[in-house]
Amino acid sequence: MTKVALEALIASARAGLLVSFPTDTVPAIATLPEKAALIFTAKKRSQDKPLILMAASAEDLWPYVKGNEKEYKIWQDTVSKYWPGALTLVLPASDVSDGLRLRVPQEMNPSDPTTIGIRVPNSAIAQTILTQTGPLATTSANFSGQPPLLTMAEIEAQFPEVLVAATEFQGQSTIGVPSTVAKWTGMNWQILRQGAIKLHPFE
């Protein structure tokens, strides 16, 4: 039995187990960042396809990235316009743990640990969970290369080891399209995946 109450889902995520919950785009599979290898195994996912660090607020994510003052200003301007929402930013990953910066676990992006994708979803249920768990390693709920699963019932059937919410969440709107992914080049944004949000390269 993999359906659990919301409180149990949050406790399980905090304990490092695999969980699934709705977001504003497609449902996510998630776990603690240092347990990210569990997601790669469950999805049969290639190591060169990094995961997204998802959190309830931008403030929860800034410690995991590094940049100069000008870059932070650009990044903050971008997220103030589009977050919470369907935009993932790929930024230089922090590689130190000093109180201000948090080291990004290499398991998040095994082939290139120098970058990390970050996102704040526009989803009440995801926000509720992430507020209590802290940032989680996430990706869409599906076997790698297959279309995203869109209901908790589908996810429960395909991933029996993943804990899912006991009920569908009323009023939860999902667009069924993954987030736009934009990578910071040092000068502007490079669109890696076009999703619902249209981001200008020099925005």
Protein backbone atom coordinates (compact mmCIF):
# COMPACT_ATOMS: atom_id res chain seq x y z
CA MET A 1 0.00 0.00 0.00
CA THR A 2 1.66 3.20 -1.13
CA LYS A 3 -1.13 5.74 -0.52
CA VAL A 4 -0.54 7.77 2.63
CA ALA A 5 -1.93 10.83 4.38
CA LEU A 6 -0.23 14.17 3.77
CA GLU A 7 1.45 14.18 7.19
CA ALA A 8 2.91 10.73 6.52
CA LEU A 9 4.03 11.81 3.05
CA ILE A 10 5.95 14.76 4.54
CA ALA A 11 7.50 12.59 7.26
CA SER A 12 8.55 10.01 4.67
CA ALA A 13 10.15 12.66 2.47
CA ARG A 14 12.07 14.01 5.45
CA ALA A 15 13.23 10.46 6.19
CA GLY A 16 14.72 10.14 2.70
CA LEU A 17 12.06 7.98 1.04
CA LEU A 18 10.64 8.50 -2.45
CA VAL A 19 7.37 10.45 -2.56
CA SER A 20 5.15 11.89 -5.27
CA PHE A 21 2.95 14.97 -5.21
CA PRO A 22 1.19 17.29 -7.67
CA THR A 23 2.82 20.50 -8.87
CA ASP A 24 1.67 23.28 -11.20
CA THR A 25 3.16 21.49 -14.23
CA VAL A 26 3.28 17.69 -13.92
CA PRO A 27 3.37 15.53 -10.77
CA ALA A 28 6.81 15.13 -9.23
CA ILE A 29 8.80 12.28 -7.79
CA ALA A 30 10.90 13.67 -4.97
CA THR A 31 13.31 12.84 -2.18
CA LEU A 32 16.05 14.51 -0.13
CA PRO A 33 18.87 15.91 -2.32
CA GLU A 34 21.43 13.52 -0.85
CA LYS A 35 19.14 10.58 -1.68
CA ALA A 36 18.74 11.64 -5.33
CA ALA A 37 20.24 8.35 -6.56
CA LEU A 38 16.93 6.71 -5.59
CA ILE A 39 15.16 8.75 -8.28
CA PHE A 40 17.65 7.78 -11.00
CA THR A 41 17.18 4.11 -10.10
CA ALA A 42 13.37 4.26 -9.94
CA LYS A 43 13.05 6.11 -13.26
CA LYS A 44 15.82 4.14 -15.04
CA ARG A 45 17.22 7.60 -15.73
CA SER A 46 20.54 8.36 -17.38
CA GLN A 47 23.14 9.95 -15.10
CA ASP A 48 23.57 12.83 -17.56
CA LYS A 49 20.00 14.05 -16.96
CA PRO A 50 20.14 16.18 -13.80
CA LEU A 51 17.35 16.60 -11.28
CA ILE A 52 15.68 19.83 -10.17
CA LEU A 53 16.00 21.22 -6.65
CA MET A 54 12.48 22.37 -5.77
CA ALA A 55 11.59 24.51 -2.77
CA ALA A 56 8.79 26.60 -1.30
CA SER A 57 10.64 29.89 -1.81
CA ALA A 58 13.58 31.44 -3.63
CA GLU A 59 15.18 32.17 -0.26
CA ASP A 60 15.39 28.43 0.38
CA LEU A 61 17.29 27.94 -2.90
CA TRP A 62 19.81 30.80 -3.04
CA PRO A 63 22.23 29.07 -0.63
CA TYR A 64 22.68 26.28 -3.20
CA VAL A 65 23.92 28.55 -6.00
CA LYS A 66 26.82 30.96 -6.41
CA GLY A 67 27.34 34.08 -8.49
CA ASN A 68 28.56 37.65 -8.32
CA GLU A 69 26.46 40.60 -7.18
CA LYS A 70 25.39 41.50 -10.71
CA GLU A 71 24.32 37.93 -11.47
CA TYR A 72 22.31 37.64 -8.27
CA LYS A 73 20.48 40.83 -9.21
CA ILE A 74 19.57 39.40 -12.64
CA TRP A 75 18.51 36.08 -11.17
CA GLN A 76 16.40 37.71 -8.47
CA ASP A 77 14.72 39.99 -11.01
CA THR A 78 13.86 36.94 -13.11
CA VAL A 79 12.39 34.89 -10.30
CA SER A 80 10.42 37.84 -8.92
CA LYS A 81 8.65 37.93 -12.28
CA TYR A 82 8.06 34.20 -12.82
CA TRP A 83 8.11 32.45 -9.43
CA PRO A 84 6.25 30.69 -8.15
CA GLY A 85 5.76 29.20 -11.58
CA ALA A 86 6.79 26.86 -14.37
CA LEU A 87 10.36 28.11 -14.82
CA THR A 88 13.48 26.14 -13.87
CA LEU A 89 16.75 28.09 -13.73
CA VAL A 90 20.04 26.23 -14.18
CA LEU A 91 22.68 28.15 -12.23
CA PRO A 92 26.24 27.60 -10.98
CA ALA A 93 26.05 25.23 -8.02
CA SER A 94 27.57 26.05 -4.66
CA ASP A 95 30.49 23.78 -3.80
CA VAL A 96 31.10 24.88 -0.21
CA SER A 97 29.35 24.54 3.13
CA ASP A 98 30.07 27.62 5.20
CA GLY A 99 26.76 28.70 6.70
CA LEU A 100 25.89 31.02 3.81
CA ARG A 101 26.38 28.44 1.10
CA LEU A 102 25.21 24.83 1.08
CA ARG A 103 27.05 22.19 -0.89
CA VAL A 104 24.86 20.68 -3.61
CA PRO A 105 25.02 16.88 -3.39
CA GLN A 106 26.72 15.47 -6.50
CA GLU A 107 23.87 12.94 -6.73
CA MET A 108 21.65 15.76 -8.02
CA ASN A 109 23.70 16.15 -11.21
CA PRO A 110 26.22 13.29 -11.42
CA SER A 111 27.68 14.23 -14.81
CA ASP A 112 28.06 17.97 -14.10
CA PRO A 113 27.91 18.85 -10.40
CA THR A 114 28.94 22.45 -11.17
CA THR A 115 25.35 23.39 -12.07
CA ILE A 116 21.97 22.96 -10.40
CA GLY A 117 18.42 23.46 -11.65
CA ILE A 118 16.13 25.25 -9.18
CA ARG A 119 12.39 25.97 -9.13
CA VAL A 120 9.56 27.19 -6.91
CA PRO A 121 6.23 25.68 -8.04
CA ASN A 122 2.96 27.59 -8.13
CA SER A 123 1.09 24.84 -6.31
CA ALA A 124 -0.54 25.00 -2.88
CA ILE A 125 -0.01 21.32 -2.10
CA ALA A 126 3.61 21.33 -3.30
CA GLN A 127 4.25 24.49 -1.27
CA THR A 128 2.70 22.90 1.82
CA ILE A 129 4.97 19.87 1.49
CA LEU A 130 8.16 21.78 0.61
CA THR A 131 7.68 24.27 3.45
CA GLN A 132 7.95 21.36 5.88
CA THR A 133 10.57 19.25 4.11
CA GLY A 134 12.93 21.93 2.82
CA PRO A 135 14.28 21.71 -0.74
CA LEU A 136 13.79 18.34 -2.43
CA ALA A 137 15.36 16.66 -5.45
CA THR A 138 12.56 16.34 -8.00
CA THR A 139 11.69 15.33 -11.53
CA SER A 140 8.58 14.27 -13.43
CA ALA A 141 6.88 11.04 -12.40
CA ASN A 142 7.51 8.65 -15.29
CA PHE A 143 10.03 6.18 -16.59
CA SER A 144 12.79 8.07 -18.39
CA GLY A 145 11.88 8.88 -21.99
CA GLN A 146 8.16 8.24 -21.50
CA PRO A 147 5.39 10.85 -21.17
CA PRO A 148 4.84 12.27 -17.66
CA LEU A 149 2.18 10.51 -15.60
CA LEU A 150 -0.60 12.94 -14.69
CA THR A 151 -2.56 11.26 -11.87
CA MET A 152 -1.64 9.79 -8.51
CA ALA A 153 -3.32 6.52 -9.56
CA GLU A 154 -1.02 6.18 -12.58
CA ILE A 155 2.02 6.93 -10.45
CA GLU A 156 1.00 4.42 -7.79
CA ALA A 157 0.62 1.74 -10.47
CA GLN A 158 3.96 2.41 -12.20
CA PHE A 159 6.01 3.13 -9.07
CA PRO A 160 4.79 0.87 -6.26
CA GLU A 161 7.81 1.86 -4.13
CA VAL A 162 6.87 5.56 -4.22
CA LEU A 163 4.55 6.99 -1.55
CA VAL A 164 1.69 9.02 -3.01
CA ALA A 165 -1.03 11.13 -1.44
CA ALA A 166 -4.13 9.22 -0.37
CA THR A 167 -6.48 11.48 -2.35
CA GLU A 168 -6.33 13.71 -5.38
CA PHE A 169 -6.13 17.33 -4.29
CA GLN A 170 -9.22 19.37 -5.05
CA GLY A 171 -8.57 22.55 -6.98
CA GLN A 172 -5.05 21.46 -7.89
CA SER A 173 -4.45 22.75 -11.40
CA THR A 174 -1.73 21.07 -13.45
CA ILE A 175 -1.01 22.15 -17.00
CA GLY A 176 0.51 18.80 -17.96
CA VAL A 177 3.51 20.51 -19.56
CA PRO A 178 6.97 20.44 -17.93
CA SER A 179 8.61 23.68 -16.87
CA THR A 180 10.67 25.89 -19.15
CA VAL A 181 14.37 25.28 -18.41
CA ALA A 182 16.77 28.22 -18.81
CA LYS A 183 20.52 27.98 -18.16
CA TRP A 184 22.62 30.97 -17.13
CA THR A 185 25.59 31.30 -19.50
CA GLY A 186 27.34 34.06 -17.58
CA MET A 187 25.87 36.63 -19.97
CA ASN A 188 22.25 35.66 -20.62
CA TRP A 189 19.72 32.82 -20.56
CA GLN A 190 20.03 29.79 -22.83
CA ILE A 191 16.68 28.00 -23.24
CA LEU A 192 17.29 24.26 -22.78
CA ARG A 193 13.62 23.26 -22.82
CA GLN A 194 10.69 25.39 -23.88
CA GLY A 195 7.71 24.96 -21.62
CA ALA A 196 4.74 27.11 -20.64
CA ILE A 197 6.77 30.22 -19.79
CA LYS A 198 8.40 32.24 -22.59
CA LEU A 199 11.65 33.71 -21.28
CA HIS A 200 13.68 36.14 -23.33
CA PRO A 201 17.43 35.26 -23.44
CA PHE A 202 18.41 38.71 -22.17
CA GLU A 203 15.62 39.09 -19.63
